[in-house]
PDB file of N, CA and C in Angstrom:
ATOM      1  N   MET A   1      94.522  14.248 109.650  1.00  0.00           N
ATOM      2  CA  MET A   1      95.424  13.363 108.929  1.00  0.00           C
ATOM      3  C   MET A   1      95.533  13.857 107.495  1.00  0.00           C
ATOM      4  N   GLY A   2      96.767  13.977 107.016  1.00  0.00           N
ATOM      5  CA  GLY A   2      97.005  14.418 105.646  1.00  0.00           C
ATOM      6  C   GLY A   2      96.868  13.283 104.653  1.00  0.00           C
ATOM      7  N   VAL A   3      96.719  13.651 103.410  1.00  0.00           N
ATOM      8  CA  VAL A   3      96.617  12.675 102.325  1.00  0.00           C
ATOM      9  C   VAL A   3      97.850  12.839 101.448  1.00  0.00           C
ATOM     10  N   LEU A   4      98.430  11.715 101.049  1.00  0.00           N
ATOM     11  CA  LEU A   4      99.629  11.725 100.228  1.00  0.00           C
ATOM     12  C   LEU A   4      99.444  10.741  99.086  1.00  0.00           C
ATOM     13  N   SER A   5      99.704  11.208  97.869  1.00  0.00           N
ATOM     14  CA  SER A   5      99.679  10.317  96.709  1.00  0.00           C
ATOM     15  C   SER A   5     101.109   9.972  96.358  1.00  0.00           C
ATOM     16  N   VAL A   6     101.356   8.706  96.112  1.00  0.00           N
ATOM     17  CA  VAL A   6     102.709   8.265  95.814  1.00  0.00           C
ATOM     18  C   VAL A   6     102.675   7.336  94.608  1.00  0.00           C
ATOM     19  N   ARG A   7     103.611   7.546  93.712  1.00  0.00           N
ATOM     20  CA  ARG A   7     103.760   6.643  92.570  1.00  0.00           C
ATOM     21  C   ARG A   7     104.887   5.680  92.894  1.00  0.00           C
ATOM     22  N   LEU A   8     104.621   4.396  92.731  1.00  0.00           N
ATOM     23  CA  LEU A   8     105.630   3.374  92.993  1.00  0.00           C
ATOM     24  C   LEU A   8     106.198   2.870  91.677  1.00  0.00           C
ATOM     25  N   ASP A   9     107.529   2.728  91.625  1.00  0.00           N
ATOM     26  CA  ASP A   9     108.090   2.147  90.410  1.00  0.00           C
ATOM     27  C   ASP A   9     107.741   0.649  90.383  1.00  0.00           C
ATOM     28  N   GLU A  10     107.944   0.048  89.245  1.00  0.00           N
ATOM     29  CA  GLU A  10     107.508  -1.334  89.040  1.00  0.00           C
ATOM     30  C   GLU A  10     108.144  -2.313  90.036  1.00  0.00           C
ATOM     31  N   ASP A  11     109.434  -2.170  90.286  1.00  0.00           N
ATOM     32  CA  ASP A  11     110.119  -3.084  91.211  1.00  0.00           C
ATOM     33  C   ASP A  11     109.584  -2.956  92.630  1.00  0.00           C
ATOM     34  N   LEU A  12     109.387  -1.732  93.077  1.00  0.00           N
ATOM     35  CA  LEU A  12     108.865  -1.513  94.417  1.00  0.00           C
ATOM     36  C   LEU A  12     107.440  -2.052  94.542  1.00  0.00           C
ATOM     37  N   GLU A  13     106.652  -1.864  93.520  1.00  0.00           N
ATOM     38  CA  GLU A  13     105.279  -2.387  93.512  1.00  0.00           C
ATOM     39  C   GLU A  13     105.284  -3.915  93.600  1.00  0.00           C
ATOM     40  N   LYS A  14     106.187  -4.559  92.868  1.00  0.00           N
ATOM     41  CA  LYS A  14     106.283  -6.026  92.914  1.00  0.00           C
ATOM     42  C   LYS A  14     106.683  -6.500  94.313  1.00  0.00           C
ATOM     43  N   GLN A  15     107.649  -5.819  94.929  1.00  0.00           N
ATOM     44  CA  GLN A  15     108.083  -6.186  96.274  1.00  0.00           C
ATOM     45  C   GLN A  15     106.937  -6.015  97.269  1.00  0.00           C
ATOM     46  N   LEU A  16     106.215  -4.929  97.146  1.00  0.00           N
ATOM     47  CA  LEU A  16     105.082  -4.667  98.024  1.00  0.00           C
ATOM     48  C   LEU A  16     104.011  -5.744  97.864  1.00  0.00           C
ATOM     49  N   GLU A  17     103.669  -6.058  96.636  1.00  0.00           N
ATOM     50  CA  GLU A  17     102.657  -7.089  96.377  1.00  0.00           C
ATOM     51  C   GLU A  17     103.109  -8.440  96.920  1.00  0.00           C
ATOM     52  N   TYR A  18     104.386  -8.768  96.748  1.00  0.00           N
ATOM     53  CA  TYR A  18     104.916 -10.032  97.264  1.00  0.00           C
ATOM     54  C   TYR A  18     104.753 -10.105  98.780  1.00  0.00           C
ATOM     55  N   LEU A  19     105.196  -9.037  99.478  1.00  0.00           N
ATOM     56  CA  LEU A  19     105.080  -9.025 100.933  1.00  0.00           C
ATOM     57  C   LEU A  19     103.631  -9.121 101.394  1.00  0.00           C
ATOM     58  N   MET A  20     102.774  -8.386 100.724  1.00  0.00           N
ATOM     59  CA  MET A  20     101.359  -8.419 101.104  1.00  0.00           C
ATOM     60  C   MET A  20     100.773  -9.816 100.914  1.00  0.00           C
ATOM     61  N   LYS A  21     101.140 -10.460  99.826  1.00  0.00           N
ATOM     62  CA  LYS A  21     100.627 -11.807  99.560  1.00  0.00           C
ATOM     63  C   LYS A  21     101.164 -12.793 100.601  1.00  0.00           C
ATOM     64  N   GLN A  22     102.464 -12.743 100.869  1.00  0.00           N
ATOM     65  CA  GLN A  22     103.087 -13.669 101.809  1.00  0.00           C
ATOM     66  C   GLN A  22     102.574 -13.465 103.231  1.00  0.00           C
ATOM     67  N   ARG A  23     102.315 -12.228 103.574  1.00  0.00           N
ATOM     68  CA  ARG A  23     101.847 -11.917 104.933  1.00  0.00           C
ATOM     69  C   ARG A  23     100.321 -11.874 105.030  1.00  0.00           C
ATOM     70  N   LYS A  24      99.680 -12.171 103.913  1.00  0.00           N
ATOM     71  CA  LYS A  24      98.216 -12.199 103.851  1.00  0.00           C
ATOM     72  C   LYS A  24      97.599 -10.870 104.297  1.00  0.00           C
ATOM     73  N   ILE A  25      98.164  -9.791 103.781  1.00  0.00           N
ATOM     74  CA  ILE A  25      97.689  -8.441 104.102  1.00  0.00           C
ATOM     75  C   ILE A  25      96.731  -8.002 103.010  1.00  0.00           C
ATOM     76  N   LYS A  26      95.581  -7.528 103.413  1.00  0.00           N
ATOM     77  CA  LYS A  26      94.543  -7.122 102.459  1.00  0.00           C
ATOM     78  C   LYS A  26      94.495  -5.606 102.258  1.00  0.00           C
ATOM     79  N   ASP A  27      94.761  -4.849 103.314  1.00  0.00           N
ATOM     80  CA  ASP A  27      94.622  -3.391 103.257  1.00  0.00           C
ATOM     81  C   ASP A  27      95.964  -2.746 102.904  1.00  0.00           C
ATOM     82  N   LYS A  28      96.119  -2.429 101.631  1.00  0.00           N
ATOM     83  CA  LYS A  28      97.370  -1.870 101.123  1.00  0.00           C
ATOM     84  C   LYS A  28      97.693  -0.524 101.772  1.00  0.00           C
ATOM     85  N   SER A  29      96.708   0.331 101.915  1.00  0.00           N
ATOM     86  CA  SER A  29      96.936   1.659 102.497  1.00  0.00           C
ATOM     87  C   SER A  29      97.412   1.556 103.943  1.00  0.00           C
ATOM     88  N   ALA A  30      96.777   0.697 104.712  1.00  0.00           N
ATOM     89  CA  ALA A  30      97.168   0.529 106.116  1.00  0.00           C
ATOM     90  C   ALA A  30      98.585  -0.026 106.206  1.00  0.00           C
ATOM     91  N   TYR A  31      98.913  -0.964 105.343  1.00  0.00           N
ATOM     92  CA  TYR A  31     100.246  -1.559 105.349  1.00  0.00           C
ATOM     93  C   TYR A  31     101.307  -0.513 104.990  1.00  0.00           C
ATOM     94  N   ILE A  32     101.035   0.292 103.987  1.00  0.00           N
ATOM     95  CA  ILE A  32     101.979   1.331 103.581  1.00  0.00           C
ATOM     96  C   ILE A  32     102.127   2.373 104.681  1.00  0.00           C
ATOM     97  N   ARG A  33     101.035   2.723 105.369  1.00  0.00           N
ATOM     98  CA  ARG A  33     101.135   3.659 106.502  1.00  0.00           C
ATOM     99  C   ARG A  33     102.034   3.080 107.589  1.00  0.00           C
ATOM    100  N   GLN A  34     101.885   1.784 107.851  1.00  0.00           N
ATOM    101  CA  GLN A  34     102.709   1.108 108.860  1.00  0.00           C
ATOM    102  C   GLN A  34     104.188   1.143 108.450  1.00  0.00           C
ATOM    103  N   LEU A  35     104.472   0.842 107.188  1.00  0.00           N
ATOM    104  CA  LEU A  35     105.847   0.865 106.698  1.00  0.00           C
ATOM    105  C   LEU A  35     106.428   2.274 106.735  1.00  0.00           C
ATOM    106  N   LEU A  36     105.628   3.245 106.347  1.00  0.00           N
ATOM    107  CA  LEU A  36     106.073   4.636 106.343  1.00  0.00           C
ATOM    108  C   LEU A  36     106.343   5.127 107.753  1.00  0.00           C
ATOM    109  N   ASP A  37     105.489   4.769 108.679  1.00  0.00           N
ATOM    110  CA  ASP A  37     105.686   5.140 110.077  1.00  0.00           C
ATOM    111  C   ASP A  37     107.008   4.590 110.601  1.00  0.00           C
ATOM    112  N   LYS A  38     107.272   3.327 110.319  1.00  0.00           N
ATOM    113  CA  LYS A  38     108.515   2.687 110.763  1.00  0.00           C
ATOM    114  C   LYS A  38     109.729   3.353 110.120  1.00  0.00           C
ATOM    115  N   ALA A  39     109.658   3.609 108.830  1.00  0.00           N
ATOM    116  CA  ALA A  39     110.788   4.213 108.117  1.00  0.00           C
ATOM    117  C   ALA A  39     111.077   5.631 108.616  1.00  0.00           C
ATOM    118  N   ILE A  40     110.038   6.405 108.874  1.00  0.00           N
ATOM    119  CA  ILE A  40     110.239   7.770 109.365  1.00  0.00           C
ATOM    120  C   ILE A  40     110.835   7.750 110.767  1.00  0.00           C
ATOM    121  N   LYS A  41     110.331   6.874 111.631  1.00  0.00           N
ATOM    122  CA  LYS A  41     110.894   6.770 112.987  1.00  0.00           C
ATOM    123  C   LYS A  41     112.361   6.368 112.938  1.00  0.00           C
ATOM    124  N   ASP A  42     112.682   5.393 112.093  1.00  0.00           N
ATOM    125  CA  ASP A  42     114.078   4.955 111.952  1.00  0.00           C
ATOM    126  C   ASP A  42     114.962   6.088 111.449  1.00  0.00           C
ATOM    127  N   ASP A  43     114.481   6.827 110.458  1.00  0.00           N
ATOM    128  CA  ASP A  43     115.272   7.933 109.904  1.00  0.00           C
ATOM    129  C   ASP A  43     115.417   9.059 110.919  1.00  0.00           C
ATOM    130  N   LEU A  44     114.361   9.321 111.677  1.00  0.00           N
ATOM    131  CA  LEU A  44     114.424  10.353 112.710  1.00  0.00           C
ATOM    132  C   LEU A  44     115.468   9.986 113.761  1.00  0.00           C
ATOM    133  N   ILE A  45     115.466   8.747 114.197  1.00  0.00           N
ATOM    134  CA  ILE A  45     116.439   8.305 115.198  1.00  0.00           C
ATOM    135  C   ILE A  45     117.861   8.379 114.638  1.00  0.00           C
ATOM    136  N   THR A  46     118.030   7.982 113.386  1.00  0.00           N
ATOM    137  CA  THR A  46     119.349   8.080 112.750  1.00  0.00           C
ATOM    138  C   THR A  46     119.817   9.524 112.711  1.00  0.00           C
ATOM    139  N   PHE A  47     118.929  10.426 112.307  1.00  0.00           N
ATOM    140  CA  PHE A  47     119.267  11.849 112.250  1.00  0.00           C
ATOM    141  C   PHE A  47     119.627  12.382 113.634  1.00  0.00           C
ATOM    142  N   LEU A  48     118.816  12.050 114.622  1.00  0.00           N
ATOM    143  CA  LEU A  48     119.060  12.542 115.980  1.00  0.00           C
ATOM    144  C   LEU A  48     120.359  11.981 116.555  1.00  0.00           C
ATOM    145  N   CYS A  49     120.680  10.738 116.236  1.00  0.00           N
ATOM    146  CA  CYS A  49     121.956  10.169 116.687  1.00  0.00           C
ATOM    147  C   CYS A  49     123.125  10.947 116.101  1.00  0.00           C
ATOM    148  N   GLU A  50     123.024  11.321 114.855  1.00  0.00           N
ATOM    149  CA  GLU A  50     124.088  12.119 114.239  1.00  0.00           C
ATOM    150  C   GLU A  50     124.183  13.497 114.896  1.00  0.00           C
ATOM    151  N   GLU A  51     123.041  14.067 115.231  1.00  0.00           N
ATOM    152  CA  GLU A  51     123.045  15.371 115.904  1.00  0.00           C
ATOM    153  C   GLU A  51     123.709  15.277 117.276  1.00  0.00           C
ATOM    154  N   VAL A  52     123.430  14.196 117.998  1.00  0.00           N
ATOM    155  CA  VAL A  52     124.069  13.981 119.299  1.00  0.00           C
ATOM    156  C   VAL A  52     125.571  13.790 119.109  1.00  0.00           C
ATOM    157  N   LYS A  53     125.944  13.004 118.117  1.00  0.00           N
ATOM    158  CA  LYS A  53     127.353  12.751 117.832  1.00  0.00           C
ATOM    159  C   LYS A  53     128.101  14.056 117.575  1.00  0.00           C
ATOM    160  N   GLU A  54     127.462  14.965 116.862  1.00  0.00           N
ATOM    161  CA  GLU A  54     128.072  16.256 116.535  1.00  0.00           C
ATOM    162  C   GLU A  54     127.871  17.285 117.648  1.00  0.00           C
ATOM    163  N   LYS A  55     127.249  16.839 118.745  1.00  0.00           N
ATOM    164  CA  LYS A  55     127.014  17.665 119.933  1.00  0.00           C
ATOM    165  C   LYS A  55     126.152  18.904 119.641  1.00  0.00           C
ATOM    166  N   ARG A  56     125.189  18.739 118.737  1.00  0.00           N
ATOM    167  CA  ARG A  56     124.258  19.822 118.418  1.00  0.00           C
ATOM    168  C   ARG A  56     122.964  19.728 119.213  1.00  0.00           C
ATOM    169  N   ILE A  57     122.761  18.568 119.879  1.00  0.00           N
ATOM    170  CA  ILE A  57     121.544  18.356 120.654  1.00  0.00           C
ATOM    171  C   ILE A  57     121.865  17.359 121.764  1.00  0.00           C
ATOM    172  N   SER A  58     121.146  17.462 122.859  1.00  0.00           N
ATOM    173  CA  SER A  58     121.402  16.557 123.976  1.00  0.00           C
ATOM    174  C   SER A  58     120.726  15.207 123.755  1.00  0.00           C
ATOM    175  N   VAL A  59     121.210  14.214 124.476  1.00  0.00           N
ATOM    176  CA  VAL A  59     120.620  12.876 124.418  1.00  0.00           C
ATOM    177  C   VAL A  59     119.182  12.930 124.915  1.00  0.00           C
ATOM    178  N   TRP A  60     118.979  13.645 126.018  1.00  0.00           N
ATOM    179  CA  TRP A  60     117.636  13.748 126.591  1.00  0.00           C
ATOM    180  C   TRP A  60     116.660  14.375 125.600  1.00  0.00           C
ATOM    181  N   LYS A  61     117.051  15.498 124.964  1.00  0.00           N
ATOM    182  CA  LYS A  61     116.174  16.180 124.009  1.00  0.00           C
ATOM    183  C   LYS A  61     115.907  15.293 122.797  1.00  0.00           C
ATOM    184  N   SER A  62     116.922  14.565 122.360  1.00  0.00           N
ATOM    185  CA  SER A  62     116.752  13.660 121.225  1.00  0.00           C
ATOM    186  C   SER A  62     115.738  12.570 121.531  1.00  0.00           C
ATOM    187  N   ALA A  63     115.825  12.008 122.731  1.00  0.00           N
ATOM    188  CA  ALA A  63     114.865  10.977 123.133  1.00  0.00           C
ATOM    189  C   ALA A  63     113.457  11.546 123.157  1.00  0.00           C
ATOM    190  N   GLU A  64     113.339  12.784 123.643  1.00  0.00           N
ATOM    191  CA  GLU A  64     112.027  13.435 123.691  1.00  0.00           C
ATOM    192  C   GLU A  64     111.462  13.638 122.283  1.00  0.00           C
ATOM    193  N   ILE A  65     112.280  14.116 121.368  1.00  0.00           N
ATOM    194  CA  ILE A  65     111.823  14.335 119.985  1.00  0.00           C
ATOM    195  C   ILE A  65     111.423  13.018 119.335  1.00  0.00           C
ATOM    196  N   ALA A  66     112.209  11.973 119.574  1.00  0.00           N
ATOM    197  CA  ALA A  66     111.927  10.656 118.984  1.00  0.00           C
ATOM    198  C   ALA A  66     110.750   9.961 119.662  1.00  0.00           C
ATOM    199  N   GLN A  67     110.320  10.502 120.799  1.00  0.00           N
ATOM    200  CA  GLN A  67     109.219   9.938 121.581  1.00  0.00           C
ATOM    201  C   GLN A  67     109.522   8.510 122.024  1.00  0.00           C
ATOM    202  N   ILE A  68     110.772   8.337 122.506  1.00  0.00           N
ATOM    203  CA  ILE A  68     111.175   7.068 123.096  1.00  0.00           C
ATOM    204  C   ILE A  68     111.849   7.369 124.431  1.00  0.00           C
ATOM    205  N   SER A  69     112.023   6.352 125.235  1.00  0.00           N
ATOM    206  CA  SER A  69     112.644   6.564 126.543  1.00  0.00           C
ATOM    207  C   SER A  69     114.118   6.936 126.380  1.00  0.00           C
ATOM    208  N   LEU A  70     114.641   7.571 127.402  1.00  0.00           N
ATOM    209  CA  LEU A  70     116.057   7.930 127.401  1.00  0.00           C
ATOM    210  C   LEU A  70     116.905   6.675 127.249  1.00  0.00           C
ATOM    211  N   ARG A  71     116.540   5.627 127.968  1.00  0.00           N
ATOM    212  CA  ARG A  71     117.266   4.360 127.899  1.00  0.00           C
ATOM    213  C   ARG A  71     117.252   3.788 126.475  1.00  0.00           C
ATOM    214  N   ALA A  72     116.103   3.841 125.813  1.00  0.00           N
ATOM    215  CA  ALA A  72     115.998   3.326 124.447  1.00  0.00           C
ATOM    216  C   ALA A  72     116.866   4.144 123.500  1.00  0.00           C
ATOM    217  N   PHE A  73     116.898   5.458 123.710  1.00  0.00           N
ATOM    218  CA  PHE A  73     117.726   6.294 122.840  1.00  0.00           C
ATOM    219  C   PHE A  73     119.208   6.016 123.094  1.00  0.00           C
ATOM    220  N   GLN A  74     119.570   5.826 124.344  1.00  0.00           N
ATOM    221  CA  GLN A  74     120.960   5.494 124.655  1.00  0.00           C
ATOM    222  C   GLN A  74     121.355   4.167 124.006  1.00  0.00           C
ATOM    223  N   ASN A  75     120.428   3.231 123.955  1.00  0.00           N
ATOM    224  CA  ASN A  75     120.690   1.955 123.270  1.00  0.00           C
ATOM    225  C   ASN A  75     120.926   2.174 121.779  1.00  0.00           C
ATOM    226  N   GLU A  76     120.151   3.083 121.180  1.00  0.00           N
ATOM    227  CA  GLU A  76     120.341   3.407 119.762  1.00  0.00           C
ATOM    228  C   GLU A  76     121.726   4.004 119.525  1.00  0.00           C
ATOM    229  N   LEU A  77     122.154   4.884 120.426  1.00  0.00           N
ATOM    230  CA  LEU A  77     123.490   5.468 120.311  1.00  0.00           C
ATOM    231  C   LEU A  77     124.553   4.382 120.422  1.00  0.00           C
ATOM    232  N   SER A  78     124.360   3.470 121.349  1.00  0.00           N
ATOM    233  CA  SER A  78     125.308   2.382 121.564  1.00  0.00           C
ATOM    234  C   SER A  78     125.419   1.497 120.317  1.00  0.00           C
ATOM    235  N   LYS A  79     124.287   1.174 119.699  1.00  0.00           N
ATOM    236  CA  LYS A  79     124.291   0.364 118.470  1.00  0.00           C
ATOM    237  C   LYS A  79     125.141   1.001 117.377  1.00  0.00           C
ATOM    238  N   ARG A  80     125.189   2.327 117.387  1.00  0.00           N
ATOM    239  CA  ARG A  80     125.921   3.078 116.366  1.00  0.00           C
ATOM    240  C   ARG A  80     127.329   3.470 116.825  1.00  0.00           C
ATOM    241  N   ASP A  81     127.746   2.937 117.970  1.00  0.00           N
ATOM    242  CA  ASP A  81     129.064   3.252 118.549  1.00  0.00           C
ATOM    243  C   ASP A  81     129.267   4.753 118.737  1.00  0.00           C
ATOM    244  N   ILE A  82     128.218   5.418 119.173  1.00  0.00           N
ATOM    245  CA  ILE A  82     128.304   6.848 119.463  1.00  0.00           C
ATOM    246  C   ILE A  82     128.376   7.004 120.973  1.00  0.00           C
ATOM    247  N   THR A  83     129.471   7.567 121.423  1.00  0.00           N
ATOM    248  CA  THR A  83     129.639   7.776 122.859  1.00  0.00           C
ATOM    249  C   THR A  83     129.272   9.211 123.201  1.00  0.00           C
ATOM    250  N   THR A  84     128.662   9.376 124.341  1.00  0.00           N
ATOM    251  CA  THR A  84     128.276  10.716 124.778  1.00  0.00           C
ATOM    252  C   THR A  84     129.094  11.156 125.974  1.00  0.00           C
ATOM    253  N   TYR A  85     129.819  10.222 126.539  1.00  0.00           N
ATOM    254  CA  TYR A  85     130.679  10.526 127.678  1.00  0.00           C
ATOM    255  C   TYR A  85     132.078  10.884 127.182  1.00  0.00           C
ATOM    256  N   THR A  86     132.689  11.820 127.875  1.00  0.00           N
ATOM    257  CA  THR A  86     134.096  12.124 127.643  1.00  0.00           C
ATOM    258  C   THR A  86     134.876  11.582 128.828  1.00  0.00           C
ATOM    259  N   GLU A  87     136.161  11.564 128.711  1.00  0.00           N
ATOM    260  CA  GLU A  87     136.986  11.082 129.818  1.00  0.00           C
ATOM    261  C   GLU A  87     136.756  11.936 131.059  1.00  0.00           C
ATOM    262  N   SER A  88     136.640  13.234 130.876  1.00  0.00           N
ATOM    263  CA  SER A  88     136.401  14.109 132.030  1.00  0.00           C
ATOM    264  C   SER A  88     135.023  13.849 132.639  1.00  0.00           C
ATOM    265  N   GLY A  89     134.056  13.486 131.818  1.00  0.00           N
ATOM    266  CA  GLY A  89     132.731  13.136 132.322  1.00  0.00           C
ATOM    267  C   GLY A  89     132.773  11.896 133.188  1.00  0.00           C
ATOM    268  N   TYR A  90     133.522  10.905 132.740  1.00  0.00           N
ATOM    269  CA  TYR A  90     133.695   9.696 133.550  1.00  0.00           C
ATOM    270  C   TYR A  90     134.365  10.029 134.882  1.00  0.00           C
ATOM    271  N   GLU A  91     135.390  10.878 134.819  1.00  0.00           N
ATOM    272  CA  GLU A  91     136.105  11.266 136.046  1.00  0.00           C
ATOM    273  C   GLU A  91     135.174  11.969 137.029  1.00  0.00           C
ATOM    274  N   GLU A  92     134.372  12.891 136.508  1.00  0.00           N
ATOM    275  CA  GLU A  92     133.429  13.610 137.369  1.00  0.00           C
ATOM    276  C   GLU A  92     132.454  12.656 138.032  1.00  0.00           C
ATOM    277  N   ASP A  93     131.898  11.734 137.242  1.00  0.00           N
ATOM    278  CA  ASP A  93     130.947  10.769 137.795  1.00  0.00           C
ATOM    279  C   ASP A  93     131.610   9.866 138.834  1.00  0.00           C
ATOM    280  N   LEU A  94     132.819   9.429 138.534  1.00  0.00           N
ATOM    281  CA  LEU A  94     133.537   8.556 139.452  1.00  0.00           C
ATOM    282  C   LEU A  94     133.844   9.297 140.768  1.00  0.00           C
ATOM    283  N   ASN A  95     134.287  10.533 140.658  1.00  0.00           N
ATOM    284  CA  ASN A  95     134.566  11.328 141.857  1.00  0.00           C
ATOM    285  C   ASN A  95     133.293  11.562 142.671  1.00  0.00           C
ATOM    286  N   PHE A  96     132.179  11.765 141.988  1.00  0.00           N
ATOM    287  CA  PHE A  96     130.906  11.964 142.676  1.00  0.00           C
ATOM    288  C   PHE A  96     130.508  10.701 143.442  1.00  0.00           C
ATOM    289  N   ILE A  97     130.668   9.555 142.775  1.00  0.00           N
ATOM    290  CA  ILE A  97     130.297   8.270 143.387  1.00  0.00           C
ATOM    291  C   ILE A  97     131.193   7.971 144.596  1.00  0.00           C
ATOM    292  N   LEU A  98     132.479   8.216 144.431  1.00  0.00           N
ATOM    293  CA  LEU A  98     133.427   7.907 145.501  1.00  0.00           C
ATOM    294  C   LEU A  98     133.391   8.927 146.637  1.00  0.00           C
ATOM    295  N   GLY A  99     132.775  10.085 146.364  1.00  0.00           N
ATOM    296  CA  GLY A  99     132.620  11.099 147.404  1.00  0.00           C
ATOM    297  C   GLY A  99     133.846  11.881 147.538  1.00  0.00           C
TER     298      GLY A  99
END
């Protein structure tokens, strides 16, 4: 595990202290690690969704990198109105289903 030193500006420090007090959190380092983990995962998913949108990476590979299920990643794409199907893709699937 790496060590990171971070300086917080006054406003961010006040917000952090407020949340910790309201949530009765005692371990500042653990709380910041939790927040950082969430923020990095969110940013990673946002980045990967953009990569899928630009067709630089597959949905399956993106889900693997994000370490979430394919279904969960597809839900993330849906939330962002990013479609991965083309009209020809729908036609192919429909023809396959209909035989």
